C-alpha cells in the first residue's frame, strides 16, 4: 500500500505559517489581512448571488420570478462583492 500523499501547503518566503492557511487561521498569531478579507467577501458575494439565482432557476414551477426580497438579497450580494473587491488592492495590512 502506498503512503498517503502529503497535503498541499501554502508557503510564502516570509510566511510564519508553513503548514497551510487553514491551520494558520486557528493559531493565536494569525492576523486577517485586508486582502484575505476582500477575497473572502468577493467569493462569498459571488457564491451567494449565484445561489439565489440558482434557487430561482431550479424552482421553475413557481410563478412570479424574482421577488422584492430576492432583489434586496441580490443587491446585498453585489454590495458585499464590491466592498470585497475594493479591499483586495489594500494589501497585507491587518483588517
C-alpha atoms as a PDB file:
ATOM      1  CA  UNK A   1       0.000   0.000   0.000  1.00  0.00           C
ATOM      2  CA  UNK A   2       1.385   3.383  -0.997  1.00  0.00           C
ATOM      3  CA  UNK A   3       1.853   6.060   1.689  1.00  0.00           C
ATOM      4  CA  UNK A   4      -0.740   8.846   1.656  1.00  0.00           C
ATOM      5  CA  UNK A   5       0.077  11.946  -0.345  1.00  0.00           C
ATOM      6  CA  UNK A   6       1.046  14.999   1.706  1.00  0.00           C
ATOM      7  CA  UNK A   7      -1.490  17.796   1.969  1.00  0.00           C
ATOM      8  CA  UNK A   8      -0.746  20.840  -0.173  1.00  0.00           C
ATOM      9  CA  UNK A   9       0.611  23.765   1.770  1.00  0.00           C
ATOM     10  CA  UNK A  10       0.628  27.500   1.254  1.00  0.00           C
ATOM     11  CA  UNK A  11       4.076  28.847   1.995  1.00  0.00           C
ATOM     12  CA  UNK A  12       5.426  32.257   1.141  1.00  0.00           C
ATOM     13  CA  UNK A  13       9.027  33.296   1.624  1.00  0.00           C
ATOM     14  CA  UNK A  14       8.223  35.422   4.666  1.00  0.00           C
ATOM     15  CA  UNK A  15       5.274  33.388   5.924  1.00  0.00           C
ATOM     16  CA  UNK A  16       5.410  32.125   9.506  1.00  0.00           C
ATOM     17  CA  UNK A  17       2.735  29.537   8.612  1.00  0.00           C
ATOM     18  CA  UNK A  18       4.385  26.662   6.708  1.00  0.00           C
ATOM     19  CA  UNK A  19       1.611  24.111   7.334  1.00  0.00           C
ATOM     20  CA  UNK A  20      -1.179  25.766   5.325  1.00  0.00           C
ATOM     21  CA  UNK A  21      -3.562  28.646   5.585  1.00  0.00           C
ATOM     22  CA  UNK A  22      -6.403  26.771   7.293  1.00  0.00           C
ATOM     23  CA  UNK A  23      -4.235  25.598  10.158  1.00  0.00           C
ATOM     24  CA  UNK A  24      -2.662  29.039  10.328  1.00  0.00           C
ATOM     25  CA  UNK A  25      -6.074  30.679  10.734  1.00  0.00           C
ATOM     26  CA  UNK A  26      -6.602  28.851  14.017  1.00  0.00           C
ATOM     27  CA  UNK A  27      -3.346  29.926  15.631  1.00  0.00           C
ATOM     28  CA  UNK A  28      -3.078  32.766  18.117  1.00  0.00           C
ATOM     29  CA  UNK A  29      -0.658  34.698  15.913  1.00  0.00           C
ATOM     30  CA  UNK A  30      -2.852  34.799  12.765  1.00  0.00           C
ATOM     31  CA  UNK A  31      -3.941  38.206  11.503  1.00  0.00           C
ATOM     32  CA  UNK A  32      -6.679  38.580   8.915  1.00  0.00           C
ATOM     33  CA  UNK A  33      -5.369  40.894   6.200  1.00  0.00           C
ATOM     34  CA  UNK A  34      -7.424  43.271   4.098  1.00  0.00           C
ATOM     35  CA  UNK A  35      -6.558  41.254   1.000  1.00  0.00           C
ATOM     36  CA  UNK A  36      -7.779  37.980   2.527  1.00  0.00           C
ATOM     37  CA  UNK A  37     -10.921  39.642   3.899  1.00  0.00           C
ATOM     38  CA  UNK A  38     -11.560  41.143   0.475  1.00  0.00           C
ATOM     39  CA  UNK A  39     -11.138  37.785  -1.240  1.00  0.00           C
ATOM     40  CA  UNK A  40     -13.471  36.100   1.248  1.00  0.00           C
ATOM     41  CA  UNK A  41     -16.104  38.820   0.770  1.00  0.00           C
ATOM     42  CA  UNK A  42     -15.791  38.725  -3.020  1.00  0.00           C
ATOM     43  CA  UNK A  43     -16.093  34.932  -3.160  1.00  0.00           C
ATOM     44  CA  UNK A  44     -18.953  34.951  -0.647  1.00  0.00           C
ATOM     45  CA  UNK A  45     -20.885  37.600  -2.577  1.00  0.00           C
ATOM     46  CA  UNK A  46     -20.466  35.792  -5.883  1.00  0.00           C
ATOM     47  CA  UNK A  47     -21.437  32.401  -4.411  1.00  0.00           C
ATOM     48  CA  UNK A  48     -24.487  33.855  -2.647  1.00  0.00           C
ATOM     49  CA  UNK A  49     -25.570  35.703  -5.822  1.00  0.00           C
ATOM     50  CA  UNK A  50     -25.230  32.502  -7.829  1.00  0.00           C
ATOM     51  CA  UNK A  51     -27.099  30.558  -5.165  1.00  0.00           C
ATOM     52  CA  UNK A  52     -30.053  32.939  -5.195  1.00  0.00           C
ATOM     53  CA  UNK A  53     -30.230  32.830  -8.995  1.00  0.00           C
ATOM     54  CA  UNK A  54     -29.862  29.012  -8.958  1.00  0.00           C
ATOM     55  CA  UNK A  55     -32.720  28.659  -6.469  1.00  0.00           C
ATOM     56  CA  UNK A  56     -34.911  30.802  -8.708  1.00  0.00           C
ATOM     57  CA  UNK A  57     -33.982  28.727 -11.779  1.00  0.00           C
ATOM     58  CA  UNK A  58     -34.386  25.350 -10.043  1.00  0.00           C
ATOM     59  CA  UNK A  59     -37.793  26.297  -8.604  1.00  0.00           C
ATOM     60  CA  UNK A  60     -39.354  26.645 -12.054  1.00  0.00           C
ATOM     61  CA  UNK A  61     -42.866  25.625 -11.089  1.00  0.00           C
ATOM     62  CA  UNK A  62     -43.356  28.781  -9.067  1.00  0.00           C
ATOM     63  CA  UNK A  63     -44.638  31.846 -10.865  1.00  0.00           C
ATOM     64  CA  UNK A  64     -43.582  35.412 -10.291  1.00  0.00           C
ATOM     65  CA  UNK A  65     -39.851  35.366 -10.966  1.00  0.00           C
ATOM     66  CA  UNK A  66     -37.528  37.265  -8.678  1.00  0.00           C
ATOM     67  CA  UNK A  67     -39.487  38.985  -5.930  1.00  0.00           C
ATOM     68  CA  UNK A  68     -38.644  42.041  -3.831  1.00  0.00           C
ATOM     69  CA  UNK A  69     -36.908  40.063  -1.075  1.00  0.00           C
ATOM     70  CA  UNK A  70     -34.724  38.318  -3.624  1.00  0.00           C
ATOM     71  CA  UNK A  71     -33.916  41.639  -5.283  1.00  0.00           C
ATOM     72  CA  UNK A  72     -32.782  43.062  -1.936  1.00  0.00           C
ATOM     73  CA  UNK A  73     -30.690  39.941  -1.281  1.00  0.00           C
ATOM     74  CA  UNK A  74     -29.126  40.141  -4.756  1.00  0.00           C
ATOM     75  CA  UNK A  75     -28.317  43.818  -4.176  1.00  0.00           C
ATOM     76  CA  UNK A  76     -26.706  42.913  -0.845  1.00  0.00           C
ATOM     77  CA  UNK A  77     -24.624  40.213  -2.533  1.00  0.00           C
ATOM     78  CA  UNK A  78     -23.426  42.679  -5.156  1.00  0.00           C
ATOM     79  CA  UNK A  79     -22.611  45.234  -2.442  1.00  0.00           C
ATOM     80  CA  UNK A  80     -20.617  42.677  -0.425  1.00  0.00           C
ATOM     81  CA  UNK A  81     -18.709  41.602  -3.549  1.00  0.00           C
ATOM     82  CA  UNK A  82     -17.918  45.231  -4.455  1.00  0.00           C
ATOM     83  CA  UNK A  83     -16.675  46.046  -0.947  1.00  0.00           C
ATOM     84  CA  UNK A  84     -14.520  42.919  -1.074  1.00  0.00           C
ATOM     85  CA  UNK A  85     -13.185  43.970  -4.463  1.00  0.00           C
ATOM     86  CA  UNK A  86     -12.131  47.345  -3.060  1.00  0.00           C
ATOM     87  CA  UNK A  87     -10.317  45.698  -0.126  1.00  0.00           C
ATOM     88  CA  UNK A  88      -8.101  43.450  -2.273  1.00  0.00           C
ATOM     89  CA  UNK A  89      -5.683  46.170  -3.516  1.00  0.00           C
ATOM     90  CA  UNK A  90      -5.098  47.439   0.048  1.00  0.00           C
ATOM     91  CA  UNK A  91      -2.573  44.660   0.550  1.00  0.00           C
ATOM     92  CA  UNK A  92      -1.352  42.777   3.576  1.00  0.00           C
ATOM     93  CA  UNK A  93      -2.252  45.343   6.229  1.00  0.00           C
ATOM     94  CA  UNK A  94      -4.296  43.986   9.157  1.00  0.00           C
ATOM     95  CA  UNK A  95      -8.032  44.279   8.655  1.00  0.00           C
END
